[in-house]
N, C-alpha and C. Protein backbone atom coordinates (compact mmCIF):
# COMPACT_ATOMS: atom_id res chain seq x y z
N UNK A 1 -23.22 8.24 -22.61
CA UNK A 1 -22.07 8.56 -21.75
C UNK A 1 -22.11 10.02 -21.35
N UNK A 2 -21.96 10.33 -20.11
CA UNK A 2 -22.04 11.69 -19.61
C UNK A 2 -20.92 12.53 -20.17
N UNK A 3 -21.21 13.79 -20.41
CA UNK A 3 -20.20 14.69 -20.95
C UNK A 3 -19.30 15.25 -19.88
N UNK A 4 -19.69 15.10 -18.64
CA UNK A 4 -18.86 15.60 -17.55
C UNK A 4 -17.62 14.76 -17.41
N UNK A 5 -16.55 15.36 -16.91
CA UNK A 5 -15.26 14.67 -16.78
C UNK A 5 -14.97 14.47 -15.31
N UNK A 6 -14.70 13.24 -14.92
CA UNK A 6 -14.34 12.94 -13.54
C UNK A 6 -13.08 12.08 -13.53
N UNK A 7 -12.21 12.24 -12.50
CA UNK A 7 -11.03 11.40 -12.43
C UNK A 7 -11.41 9.93 -12.25
N UNK A 8 -10.66 9.06 -12.84
CA UNK A 8 -10.96 7.64 -12.77
C UNK A 8 -10.08 6.98 -11.72
N UNK A 9 -10.67 6.26 -10.82
CA UNK A 9 -9.91 5.50 -9.84
C UNK A 9 -9.28 4.30 -10.54
N UNK A 10 -7.99 4.16 -10.40
CA UNK A 10 -7.30 3.07 -11.06
C UNK A 10 -7.04 1.94 -10.07
N UNK A 11 -7.06 0.73 -10.56
CA UNK A 11 -6.91 -0.44 -9.71
C UNK A 11 -5.90 -1.39 -10.34
N UNK A 12 -5.05 -1.95 -9.53
CA UNK A 12 -4.12 -2.97 -10.00
C UNK A 12 -4.14 -4.12 -9.02
N UNK A 13 -4.05 -5.32 -9.56
CA UNK A 13 -4.06 -6.50 -8.70
C UNK A 13 -3.02 -7.50 -9.17
N UNK A 14 -2.36 -8.10 -8.23
CA UNK A 14 -1.50 -9.24 -8.48
C UNK A 14 -1.69 -10.17 -7.30
N UNK A 15 -2.47 -11.22 -7.48
CA UNK A 15 -2.77 -12.15 -6.39
C UNK A 15 -2.28 -13.52 -6.82
N UNK A 16 -1.34 -14.04 -6.07
CA UNK A 16 -0.70 -15.30 -6.40
C UNK A 16 -1.00 -16.31 -5.31
N UNK A 17 -1.38 -17.52 -5.67
CA UNK A 17 -1.65 -18.56 -4.68
C UNK A 17 -0.36 -18.89 -3.94
N UNK A 18 -0.45 -18.97 -2.63
CA UNK A 18 0.70 -19.29 -1.80
C UNK A 18 0.52 -20.69 -1.25
N UNK A 19 1.37 -21.62 -1.67
CA UNK A 19 1.28 -23.00 -1.19
C UNK A 19 2.03 -23.12 0.12
N UNK A 20 1.36 -23.68 1.11
CA UNK A 20 1.97 -23.90 2.42
C UNK A 20 2.18 -25.38 2.62
N UNK A 21 3.14 -25.71 3.44
CA UNK A 21 3.44 -27.11 3.69
C UNK A 21 2.25 -27.80 4.35
N UNK A 22 1.46 -27.00 5.08
CA UNK A 22 0.31 -27.59 5.76
C UNK A 22 -0.95 -27.60 4.90
N UNK A 23 -0.87 -27.05 3.72
CA UNK A 23 -2.05 -27.02 2.85
C UNK A 23 -2.20 -25.67 2.22
N UNK A 24 -3.23 -25.52 1.38
CA UNK A 24 -3.45 -24.28 0.67
C UNK A 24 -3.90 -23.18 1.61
N UNK A 25 -3.64 -21.95 1.22
CA UNK A 25 -4.03 -20.77 1.98
C UNK A 25 -5.02 -19.98 1.16
N UNK A 26 -6.15 -19.62 1.75
CA UNK A 26 -7.14 -18.82 1.03
C UNK A 26 -7.42 -17.57 1.84
N UNK A 27 -7.29 -16.42 1.19
CA UNK A 27 -7.58 -15.16 1.86
C UNK A 27 -9.07 -14.90 1.77
N UNK A 28 -9.75 -14.83 2.90
CA UNK A 28 -11.19 -14.69 2.91
C UNK A 28 -11.66 -13.26 3.02
N UNK A 29 -10.75 -12.30 3.08
CA UNK A 29 -11.16 -10.91 3.22
C UNK A 29 -11.73 -10.38 1.92
N UNK A 30 -12.66 -9.47 2.03
CA UNK A 30 -13.15 -8.78 0.86
C UNK A 30 -12.11 -7.77 0.43
N UNK A 31 -12.03 -7.54 -0.89
CA UNK A 31 -11.10 -6.54 -1.40
C UNK A 31 -11.49 -5.17 -0.87
N UNK A 32 -10.49 -4.36 -0.60
CA UNK A 32 -10.77 -3.02 -0.10
C UNK A 32 -11.54 -2.24 -1.15
N UNK A 33 -12.63 -1.60 -0.72
CA UNK A 33 -13.45 -0.85 -1.67
C UNK A 33 -12.70 0.36 -2.18
N UNK A 34 -12.72 0.62 -3.49
CA UNK A 34 -12.02 1.79 -4.02
C UNK A 34 -12.70 3.05 -3.56
N UNK A 35 -11.96 4.16 -3.43
CA UNK A 35 -12.56 5.39 -2.99
C UNK A 35 -13.52 5.94 -4.02
N UNK A 36 -14.55 6.64 -3.55
CA UNK A 36 -15.48 7.28 -4.46
C UNK A 36 -14.75 8.33 -5.25
N UNK A 37 -15.00 8.41 -6.57
CA UNK A 37 -14.28 9.39 -7.38
C UNK A 37 -14.66 10.81 -7.03
N UNK A 38 -13.67 11.64 -6.77
CA UNK A 38 -13.87 13.05 -6.50
C UNK A 38 -12.86 13.81 -7.31
N UNK A 39 -12.99 15.09 -7.34
CA UNK A 39 -12.00 15.91 -8.01
C UNK A 39 -10.67 15.74 -7.30
N UNK A 40 -9.62 15.44 -8.07
CA UNK A 40 -8.32 15.17 -7.47
C UNK A 40 -7.48 16.43 -7.34
N UNK A 41 -7.98 17.54 -7.81
CA UNK A 41 -7.21 18.78 -7.73
C UNK A 41 -7.64 19.57 -6.51
N UNK A 42 -6.70 20.02 -5.72
CA UNK A 42 -7.00 20.87 -4.58
C UNK A 42 -6.57 22.29 -4.90
N UNK A 43 -6.99 23.22 -4.07
CA UNK A 43 -6.61 24.61 -4.29
C UNK A 43 -5.12 24.79 -4.17
N UNK A 44 -4.48 25.52 -5.10
CA UNK A 44 -3.03 25.71 -5.03
C UNK A 44 -2.59 26.36 -3.74
N UNK A 45 -3.50 27.09 -3.07
CA UNK A 45 -3.11 27.77 -1.85
C UNK A 45 -3.42 26.96 -0.60
N UNK A 46 -4.00 25.75 -0.77
CA UNK A 46 -4.34 24.93 0.38
C UNK A 46 -3.09 24.46 1.09
N UNK A 47 -3.10 24.54 2.41
CA UNK A 47 -1.93 24.13 3.19
C UNK A 47 -1.81 22.62 3.18
N UNK A 48 -0.58 22.12 3.05
CA UNK A 48 -0.36 20.68 3.06
C UNK A 48 -0.56 20.16 4.48
N UNK A 49 -1.11 18.95 4.64
CA UNK A 49 -1.33 18.40 5.98
C UNK A 49 -0.01 18.05 6.65
N UNK A 50 -0.03 18.08 7.97
CA UNK A 50 1.17 17.69 8.71
C UNK A 50 1.36 16.19 8.58
N UNK A 51 2.62 15.73 8.45
CA UNK A 51 2.85 14.28 8.32
C UNK A 51 2.41 13.53 9.57
N UNK A 52 1.96 12.31 9.39
CA UNK A 52 1.51 11.49 10.50
C UNK A 52 2.24 10.16 10.50
N UNK A 53 2.22 9.49 11.63
CA UNK A 53 2.81 8.16 11.73
C UNK A 53 1.76 7.11 11.42
N UNK A 54 2.22 5.93 11.05
CA UNK A 54 1.31 4.84 10.72
C UNK A 54 0.64 4.29 11.97
N UNK A 55 -0.68 4.11 11.89
CA UNK A 55 -1.43 3.43 12.94
C UNK A 55 -1.50 1.96 12.55
N UNK A 56 -0.81 1.12 13.29
CA UNK A 56 -0.67 -0.30 12.98
C UNK A 56 -1.45 -1.14 13.98
N UNK A 57 -2.33 -2.03 13.49
CA UNK A 57 -3.14 -2.85 14.39
C UNK A 57 -3.15 -4.30 13.92
N UNK A 58 -3.45 -5.19 14.86
CA UNK A 58 -3.62 -6.62 14.54
C UNK A 58 -5.05 -6.83 14.09
N UNK A 59 -5.23 -7.49 12.96
CA UNK A 59 -6.56 -7.79 12.45
C UNK A 59 -7.00 -9.18 12.88
N UNK A 60 -7.52 -9.95 11.95
CA UNK A 60 -7.99 -11.30 12.22
C UNK A 60 -6.83 -12.27 12.27
N UNK A 61 -6.80 -13.10 13.28
CA UNK A 61 -5.78 -14.15 13.40
C UNK A 61 -6.47 -15.49 13.20
N UNK A 62 -6.09 -16.19 12.15
CA UNK A 62 -6.64 -17.51 11.85
C UNK A 62 -5.62 -18.57 12.29
N UNK A 63 -6.04 -19.47 13.17
CA UNK A 63 -5.10 -20.42 13.74
C UNK A 63 -4.55 -19.89 15.05
N UNK A 64 -3.76 -20.69 15.70
CA UNK A 64 -3.20 -20.30 17.00
C UNK A 64 -1.83 -19.68 16.83
N UNK A 65 -1.66 -18.50 17.42
CA UNK A 65 -0.36 -17.83 17.42
C UNK A 65 -0.27 -17.01 18.70
N UNK A 66 0.82 -17.19 19.45
CA UNK A 66 1.02 -16.47 20.71
C UNK A 66 0.95 -14.97 20.49
N UNK A 67 0.42 -14.26 21.48
CA UNK A 67 0.26 -12.81 21.36
C UNK A 67 1.57 -12.11 21.04
N UNK A 68 2.64 -12.55 21.69
CA UNK A 68 3.94 -11.92 21.46
C UNK A 68 4.36 -12.10 20.02
N UNK A 69 4.13 -13.28 19.45
CA UNK A 69 4.50 -13.54 18.07
C UNK A 69 3.59 -12.76 17.11
N UNK A 70 2.32 -12.63 17.49
CA UNK A 70 1.41 -11.80 16.68
C UNK A 70 1.96 -10.39 16.54
N UNK A 71 2.34 -9.82 17.66
CA UNK A 71 2.86 -8.44 17.65
C UNK A 71 4.14 -8.36 16.82
N UNK A 72 4.96 -9.39 16.92
CA UNK A 72 6.25 -9.36 16.22
C UNK A 72 6.05 -9.38 14.70
N UNK A 73 5.20 -10.31 14.21
CA UNK A 73 5.02 -10.41 12.76
C UNK A 73 4.23 -9.23 12.21
N UNK A 74 3.29 -8.71 13.00
CA UNK A 74 2.53 -7.54 12.55
C UNK A 74 3.46 -6.33 12.44
N UNK A 75 4.37 -6.18 13.39
CA UNK A 75 5.35 -5.09 13.32
C UNK A 75 6.24 -5.24 12.09
N UNK A 76 6.62 -6.49 11.78
CA UNK A 76 7.45 -6.73 10.59
C UNK A 76 6.70 -6.35 9.32
N UNK A 77 5.42 -6.72 9.25
CA UNK A 77 4.61 -6.35 8.09
C UNK A 77 4.47 -4.83 7.99
N UNK A 78 4.29 -4.18 9.14
CA UNK A 78 4.18 -2.73 9.15
C UNK A 78 5.42 -2.05 8.60
N UNK A 79 6.59 -2.61 8.89
CA UNK A 79 7.82 -2.03 8.37
C UNK A 79 7.89 -2.16 6.84
N UNK A 80 7.43 -3.30 6.33
CA UNK A 80 7.42 -3.50 4.87
C UNK A 80 6.50 -2.48 4.21
N UNK A 81 5.30 -2.31 4.77
CA UNK A 81 4.33 -1.38 4.20
C UNK A 81 4.85 0.05 4.29
N UNK A 82 5.39 0.42 5.45
CA UNK A 82 5.92 1.78 5.62
C UNK A 82 7.06 2.06 4.65
N UNK A 83 7.91 1.06 4.44
CA UNK A 83 9.03 1.23 3.50
C UNK A 83 8.50 1.54 2.11
N UNK A 84 7.44 0.82 1.73
CA UNK A 84 6.82 1.05 0.42
C UNK A 84 6.17 2.44 0.37
N UNK A 85 5.40 2.80 1.41
CA UNK A 85 4.79 4.13 1.46
C UNK A 85 5.83 5.21 1.20
N UNK A 86 6.93 5.16 1.94
CA UNK A 86 7.93 6.22 1.88
C UNK A 86 8.62 6.27 0.52
N UNK A 87 9.03 5.11 0.00
CA UNK A 87 9.77 5.08 -1.25
C UNK A 87 8.89 5.33 -2.47
N UNK A 88 7.62 4.92 -2.38
CA UNK A 88 6.74 4.99 -3.54
C UNK A 88 5.97 6.31 -3.64
N UNK A 89 5.56 6.86 -2.51
CA UNK A 89 4.63 7.99 -2.56
C UNK A 89 5.09 9.24 -1.82
N UNK A 90 5.77 9.10 -0.70
CA UNK A 90 5.94 10.21 0.22
C UNK A 90 7.33 10.83 0.13
N UNK A 91 7.52 11.90 0.88
CA UNK A 91 8.84 12.50 1.00
C UNK A 91 8.91 13.90 0.41
N UNK A 92 10.04 14.57 0.68
CA UNK A 92 10.26 15.92 0.18
C UNK A 92 11.43 15.96 -0.79
N UNK A 93 11.82 14.80 -1.33
CA UNK A 93 12.93 14.74 -2.28
C UNK A 93 12.44 14.84 -3.72
N UNK A 94 11.29 15.43 -3.91
CA UNK A 94 10.77 15.70 -5.24
C UNK A 94 11.28 17.06 -5.70
N UNK A 95 11.29 17.34 -7.02
CA UNK A 95 10.87 16.46 -8.12
C UNK A 95 11.88 15.35 -8.37
N UNK A 96 11.38 14.22 -8.82
CA UNK A 96 12.24 13.09 -9.15
C UNK A 96 11.60 12.29 -10.27
N UNK A 97 12.45 11.62 -11.03
CA UNK A 97 11.98 10.87 -12.19
C UNK A 97 11.63 9.43 -11.85
N UNK A 98 12.41 8.82 -10.97
CA UNK A 98 12.30 7.38 -10.77
C UNK A 98 12.00 7.04 -9.31
N UNK A 99 11.50 5.86 -9.10
CA UNK A 99 11.21 5.35 -7.75
C UNK A 99 11.82 3.95 -7.64
N UNK A 100 13.12 3.88 -7.86
CA UNK A 100 13.81 2.59 -7.97
C UNK A 100 13.69 1.73 -6.72
N UNK A 101 13.58 2.34 -5.54
CA UNK A 101 13.58 1.57 -4.29
C UNK A 101 12.17 1.24 -3.80
N UNK A 102 11.16 1.59 -4.58
CA UNK A 102 9.78 1.43 -4.11
C UNK A 102 9.42 -0.02 -3.83
N UNK A 103 9.97 -0.95 -4.60
CA UNK A 103 9.56 -2.35 -4.49
C UNK A 103 10.65 -3.24 -3.90
N UNK A 104 11.49 -2.65 -3.07
CA UNK A 104 12.57 -3.43 -2.44
C UNK A 104 12.03 -4.52 -1.53
N UNK A 105 10.83 -4.33 -0.98
CA UNK A 105 10.23 -5.31 -0.09
C UNK A 105 9.33 -6.31 -0.79
N UNK A 106 9.38 -6.38 -2.13
CA UNK A 106 8.57 -7.29 -2.91
C UNK A 106 9.41 -8.48 -3.37
N UNK A 107 8.76 -9.63 -3.58
CA UNK A 107 9.46 -10.77 -4.15
C UNK A 107 9.80 -10.45 -5.61
N UNK A 108 10.75 -11.17 -6.22
CA UNK A 108 11.13 -10.86 -7.60
C UNK A 108 9.95 -10.86 -8.57
N UNK A 109 9.05 -11.84 -8.47
CA UNK A 109 7.91 -11.89 -9.37
C UNK A 109 6.97 -10.72 -9.18
N UNK A 110 6.66 -10.41 -7.92
CA UNK A 110 5.77 -9.28 -7.63
C UNK A 110 6.44 -7.96 -8.00
N UNK A 111 7.75 -7.89 -7.83
CA UNK A 111 8.48 -6.66 -8.16
C UNK A 111 8.39 -6.37 -9.66
N UNK A 112 8.51 -7.41 -10.46
CA UNK A 112 8.42 -7.24 -11.91
C UNK A 112 7.05 -6.72 -12.32
N UNK A 113 5.98 -7.31 -11.76
CA UNK A 113 4.64 -6.87 -12.10
C UNK A 113 4.37 -5.47 -11.56
N UNK A 114 4.85 -5.20 -10.34
CA UNK A 114 4.64 -3.88 -9.74
C UNK A 114 5.31 -2.79 -10.56
N UNK A 115 6.46 -3.11 -11.13
CA UNK A 115 7.15 -2.14 -11.99
C UNK A 115 6.26 -1.76 -13.18
N UNK A 116 5.56 -2.75 -13.72
CA UNK A 116 4.64 -2.48 -14.83
C UNK A 116 3.46 -1.62 -14.37
N UNK A 117 3.09 -1.72 -13.08
CA UNK A 117 1.98 -0.96 -12.52
C UNK A 117 2.45 0.27 -11.76
N UNK A 118 3.67 0.74 -12.02
CA UNK A 118 4.28 1.76 -11.17
C UNK A 118 3.54 3.10 -11.21
N UNK A 119 2.80 3.41 -12.28
CA UNK A 119 2.04 4.65 -12.32
C UNK A 119 0.95 4.65 -11.25
N UNK A 120 0.50 3.46 -10.86
CA UNK A 120 -0.50 3.30 -9.81
C UNK A 120 0.15 3.06 -8.45
N UNK A 121 1.18 2.24 -8.42
CA UNK A 121 1.78 1.82 -7.15
C UNK A 121 2.85 2.79 -6.64
N UNK A 122 3.05 3.90 -7.35
CA UNK A 122 3.99 4.94 -6.93
C UNK A 122 3.47 6.29 -7.43
N UNK A 123 4.23 7.34 -7.13
CA UNK A 123 3.94 8.67 -7.66
C UNK A 123 4.77 8.99 -8.90
N UNK A 124 5.29 7.98 -9.57
CA UNK A 124 6.17 8.25 -10.70
C UNK A 124 5.47 9.07 -11.79
N UNK A 125 4.16 8.92 -11.94
CA UNK A 125 3.44 9.62 -12.99
C UNK A 125 3.45 11.14 -12.81
N UNK A 126 3.59 11.61 -11.56
CA UNK A 126 3.62 13.05 -11.32
C UNK A 126 4.89 13.49 -10.61
N UNK A 127 5.83 12.58 -10.43
CA UNK A 127 7.02 12.85 -9.62
C UNK A 127 7.85 14.03 -10.09
N UNK A 128 7.86 14.31 -11.38
CA UNK A 128 8.66 15.43 -11.90
C UNK A 128 7.94 16.76 -11.77
N UNK A 129 6.67 16.74 -11.32
CA UNK A 129 5.88 17.98 -11.28
C UNK A 129 5.44 18.35 -9.86
N UNK A 130 5.97 17.64 -8.87
CA UNK A 130 5.62 17.97 -7.48
C UNK A 130 6.87 18.26 -6.66
N UNK A 131 6.67 19.02 -5.58
CA UNK A 131 7.78 19.38 -4.69
C UNK A 131 7.82 18.51 -3.44
N UNK A 132 6.64 17.96 -3.06
CA UNK A 132 6.57 17.14 -1.85
C UNK A 132 5.26 16.37 -1.87
N UNK A 133 5.23 15.28 -1.12
CA UNK A 133 4.01 14.48 -0.92
C UNK A 133 3.95 14.14 0.56
N UNK A 134 2.93 14.65 1.23
CA UNK A 134 2.82 14.53 2.69
C UNK A 134 1.58 13.72 3.05
N UNK A 135 1.75 12.73 3.92
CA UNK A 135 0.64 11.88 4.35
C UNK A 135 -0.17 12.56 5.45
N UNK A 136 -1.50 12.42 5.37
CA UNK A 136 -2.38 12.88 6.44
C UNK A 136 -3.04 11.71 7.16
N UNK A 137 -2.95 10.52 6.57
CA UNK A 137 -3.56 9.33 7.17
C UNK A 137 -2.79 8.10 6.71
N UNK A 138 -2.38 7.26 7.68
CA UNK A 138 -1.66 6.03 7.37
C UNK A 138 -2.20 4.94 8.29
N UNK A 139 -3.04 4.08 7.76
CA UNK A 139 -3.64 3.01 8.53
C UNK A 139 -3.22 1.66 7.95
N UNK A 140 -2.77 0.77 8.80
CA UNK A 140 -2.39 -0.58 8.37
C UNK A 140 -2.94 -1.58 9.39
N UNK A 141 -3.74 -2.51 8.93
CA UNK A 141 -4.25 -3.59 9.78
C UNK A 141 -3.80 -4.91 9.16
N UNK A 142 -3.19 -5.75 9.98
CA UNK A 142 -2.56 -6.97 9.47
C UNK A 142 -3.32 -8.20 9.96
N UNK A 143 -3.83 -8.99 9.01
CA UNK A 143 -4.44 -10.28 9.31
C UNK A 143 -3.36 -11.35 9.23
N UNK A 144 -3.46 -12.34 10.10
CA UNK A 144 -2.41 -13.35 10.22
C UNK A 144 -3.00 -14.74 10.02
N UNK A 145 -2.34 -15.54 9.19
CA UNK A 145 -2.65 -16.96 9.07
C UNK A 145 -1.56 -17.74 9.77
N UNK A 146 -1.93 -18.49 10.80
CA UNK A 146 -0.95 -19.28 11.55
C UNK A 146 -1.18 -20.76 11.31
N UNK A 147 -0.09 -21.49 11.14
CA UNK A 147 -0.13 -22.94 10.96
C UNK A 147 0.86 -23.55 11.95
N UNK A 148 0.35 -24.43 12.81
CA UNK A 148 1.18 -25.11 13.81
C UNK A 148 1.95 -24.12 14.66
N UNK A 149 1.26 -23.07 15.08
CA UNK A 149 1.86 -22.11 15.99
C UNK A 149 2.85 -21.16 15.37
N UNK A 150 2.87 -21.09 14.03
CA UNK A 150 3.82 -20.23 13.34
C UNK A 150 3.10 -19.43 12.26
N UNK A 151 3.42 -18.16 12.13
CA UNK A 151 2.81 -17.33 11.10
C UNK A 151 3.22 -17.83 9.73
N UNK A 152 2.23 -18.13 8.88
CA UNK A 152 2.52 -18.65 7.55
C UNK A 152 2.21 -17.65 6.44
N UNK A 153 1.33 -16.71 6.70
CA UNK A 153 0.98 -15.71 5.70
C UNK A 153 0.36 -14.50 6.36
N UNK A 154 0.57 -13.33 5.77
CA UNK A 154 0.05 -12.08 6.32
C UNK A 154 -0.66 -11.31 5.21
N UNK A 155 -1.73 -10.62 5.58
CA UNK A 155 -2.43 -9.71 4.68
C UNK A 155 -2.49 -8.35 5.34
N UNK A 156 -1.83 -7.37 4.74
CA UNK A 156 -1.82 -6.01 5.27
C UNK A 156 -2.85 -5.19 4.53
N UNK A 157 -3.92 -4.81 5.22
CA UNK A 157 -4.97 -3.95 4.64
C UNK A 157 -4.64 -2.50 5.03
N UNK A 158 -4.58 -1.61 4.07
CA UNK A 158 -4.05 -0.28 4.34
C UNK A 158 -4.88 0.81 3.67
N UNK A 159 -4.76 2.02 4.24
CA UNK A 159 -5.25 3.24 3.63
C UNK A 159 -4.18 4.30 3.81
N UNK A 160 -3.82 4.94 2.72
CA UNK A 160 -2.84 6.03 2.74
C UNK A 160 -3.48 7.25 2.07
N UNK A 161 -3.64 8.33 2.84
CA UNK A 161 -4.11 9.61 2.30
C UNK A 161 -2.92 10.55 2.24
N UNK A 162 -2.74 11.22 1.12
CA UNK A 162 -1.62 12.13 0.97
C UNK A 162 -2.01 13.34 0.14
N UNK A 163 -1.22 14.39 0.25
CA UNK A 163 -1.42 15.60 -0.55
C UNK A 163 -0.08 16.00 -1.15
N UNK A 164 -0.12 16.47 -2.39
CA UNK A 164 1.09 16.89 -3.08
C UNK A 164 1.12 18.41 -3.22
N UNK A 165 2.33 18.95 -3.31
CA UNK A 165 2.52 20.37 -3.57
C UNK A 165 3.44 20.52 -4.77
N UNK A 166 3.41 21.69 -5.38
CA UNK A 166 4.22 21.93 -6.56
C UNK A 166 3.33 22.28 -7.74
N UNK A 167 3.76 21.92 -8.94
CA UNK A 167 2.95 22.19 -10.13
C UNK A 167 1.65 21.40 -10.12
N UNK A 168 1.67 20.25 -9.47
CA UNK A 168 0.46 19.45 -9.30
C UNK A 168 0.11 19.44 -7.83
N UNK A 169 -1.02 20.05 -7.48
CA UNK A 169 -1.52 20.02 -6.11
C UNK A 169 -2.73 19.10 -6.09
N UNK A 170 -2.58 18.02 -5.39
CA UNK A 170 -3.59 16.95 -5.48
C UNK A 170 -3.72 16.25 -4.14
N UNK A 171 -4.94 15.84 -3.83
CA UNK A 171 -5.19 14.98 -2.68
C UNK A 171 -5.50 13.59 -3.20
N UNK A 172 -4.79 12.61 -2.68
CA UNK A 172 -4.86 11.25 -3.22
C UNK A 172 -5.13 10.26 -2.09
N UNK A 173 -5.91 9.24 -2.39
CA UNK A 173 -6.11 8.12 -1.47
C UNK A 173 -5.65 6.83 -2.16
N UNK A 174 -4.76 6.10 -1.49
CA UNK A 174 -4.32 4.79 -1.96
C UNK A 174 -4.76 3.78 -0.91
N UNK A 175 -5.44 2.73 -1.34
CA UNK A 175 -5.90 1.74 -0.37
C UNK A 175 -5.95 0.37 -1.02
N UNK A 176 -5.97 -0.65 -0.17
CA UNK A 176 -6.04 -2.01 -0.70
C UNK A 176 -5.39 -3.00 0.24
N UNK A 177 -4.79 -4.03 -0.36
CA UNK A 177 -4.18 -5.10 0.42
C UNK A 177 -2.83 -5.49 -0.17
N UNK A 178 -1.90 -5.79 0.70
CA UNK A 178 -0.62 -6.39 0.32
C UNK A 178 -0.57 -7.77 0.96
N UNK A 179 -0.19 -8.78 0.17
CA UNK A 179 -0.11 -10.15 0.66
C UNK A 179 1.37 -10.49 0.85
N UNK A 180 1.71 -10.93 2.06
CA UNK A 180 3.12 -11.16 2.40
C UNK A 180 3.39 -12.62 2.73
N UNK A 181 4.58 -13.05 2.32
CA UNK A 181 5.05 -14.40 2.62
C UNK A 181 6.43 -14.31 3.26
N UNK A 182 6.77 -15.32 4.03
CA UNK A 182 8.08 -15.34 4.69
C UNK A 182 9.13 -15.87 3.71
N UNK A 183 10.22 -15.17 3.54
CA UNK A 183 11.29 -15.56 2.63
C UNK A 183 12.62 -15.54 3.38
N UNK A 184 13.70 -15.86 2.67
CA UNK A 184 15.03 -15.79 3.28
C UNK A 184 15.39 -14.36 3.65
N UNK A 185 14.74 -13.39 3.01
CA UNK A 185 14.99 -11.98 3.29
C UNK A 185 14.00 -11.41 4.30
N UNK A 186 13.21 -12.29 4.91
CA UNK A 186 12.16 -11.83 5.83
C UNK A 186 10.82 -11.78 5.12
N UNK A 187 9.87 -11.07 5.69
CA UNK A 187 8.55 -10.97 5.08
C UNK A 187 8.61 -10.07 3.85
N UNK A 188 8.04 -10.57 2.74
CA UNK A 188 8.02 -9.81 1.50
C UNK A 188 6.64 -9.88 0.86
N UNK A 189 6.33 -8.87 0.04
CA UNK A 189 5.06 -8.80 -0.67
C UNK A 189 5.13 -9.71 -1.90
N UNK A 190 4.17 -10.65 -2.00
CA UNK A 190 4.12 -11.50 -3.19
C UNK A 190 2.89 -11.23 -4.05
N UNK A 191 1.98 -10.40 -3.56
CA UNK A 191 0.78 -10.05 -4.32
C UNK A 191 0.16 -8.79 -3.77
N UNK A 192 -0.68 -8.16 -4.56
CA UNK A 192 -1.31 -6.92 -4.12
C UNK A 192 -2.65 -6.71 -4.81
N UNK A 193 -3.48 -5.91 -4.16
CA UNK A 193 -4.78 -5.50 -4.70
C UNK A 193 -4.95 -4.06 -4.26
N UNK A 194 -4.67 -3.10 -5.15
CA UNK A 194 -4.49 -1.71 -4.78
C UNK A 194 -5.33 -0.81 -5.67
N UNK A 195 -5.97 0.20 -5.07
CA UNK A 195 -6.67 1.24 -5.84
C UNK A 195 -6.10 2.60 -5.48
N UNK A 196 -6.14 3.50 -6.42
CA UNK A 196 -5.59 4.86 -6.24
C UNK A 196 -6.53 5.85 -6.92
N UNK A 197 -6.95 6.88 -6.18
CA UNK A 197 -7.85 7.86 -6.75
C UNK A 197 -7.83 9.15 -5.98
N UNK A 198 -8.53 10.16 -6.49
CA UNK A 198 -8.60 11.44 -5.84
C UNK A 198 -9.55 11.41 -4.66
N UNK A 199 -9.42 12.37 -3.77
CA UNK A 199 -10.30 12.50 -2.61
C UNK A 199 -10.50 13.97 -2.34
N UNK A 200 -11.54 14.28 -1.56
CA UNK A 200 -11.80 15.68 -1.19
C UNK A 200 -10.85 16.12 -0.10
């Protein structure tokens, strides 16, 4: 084992089979590759990046779904992902101890598991030692599964790059997939496959 010390990219997954009335749903996408491990500490004097807006795109559409409906459901998925980004990682309301609203867009089962993975799925592990977390890159691409002309399942593939300021100055990349299902509360996350690590 090498004596050198490198930050470890952490990964959490919660993938639950989603039964559809028309049959089983299988996600054929490859899992997002975790970022290459780099030093997660940046220079204390490095300027924080300016915040950016999410770039939201339509990915693969399986089955027939009208273009207007594609745009509508992809926008809905984008709002769920953005809500999670903001509550879990970003903002200038640091230092803070808890991230209670981070999983508001998750189903009850996924919310419970995500809470157990909150050191990865949020900034709670460093929240008391930072003053702000600013995004420099927010990419979300949504794949759609349509059954009988209606969206039945969504997969949001994302990359979030951010930098923190305060006692901990760090550049972080969070990437992976969120799996969404339609519920009485709208589209919600029922599973995830997420990695978090340092970047240059």
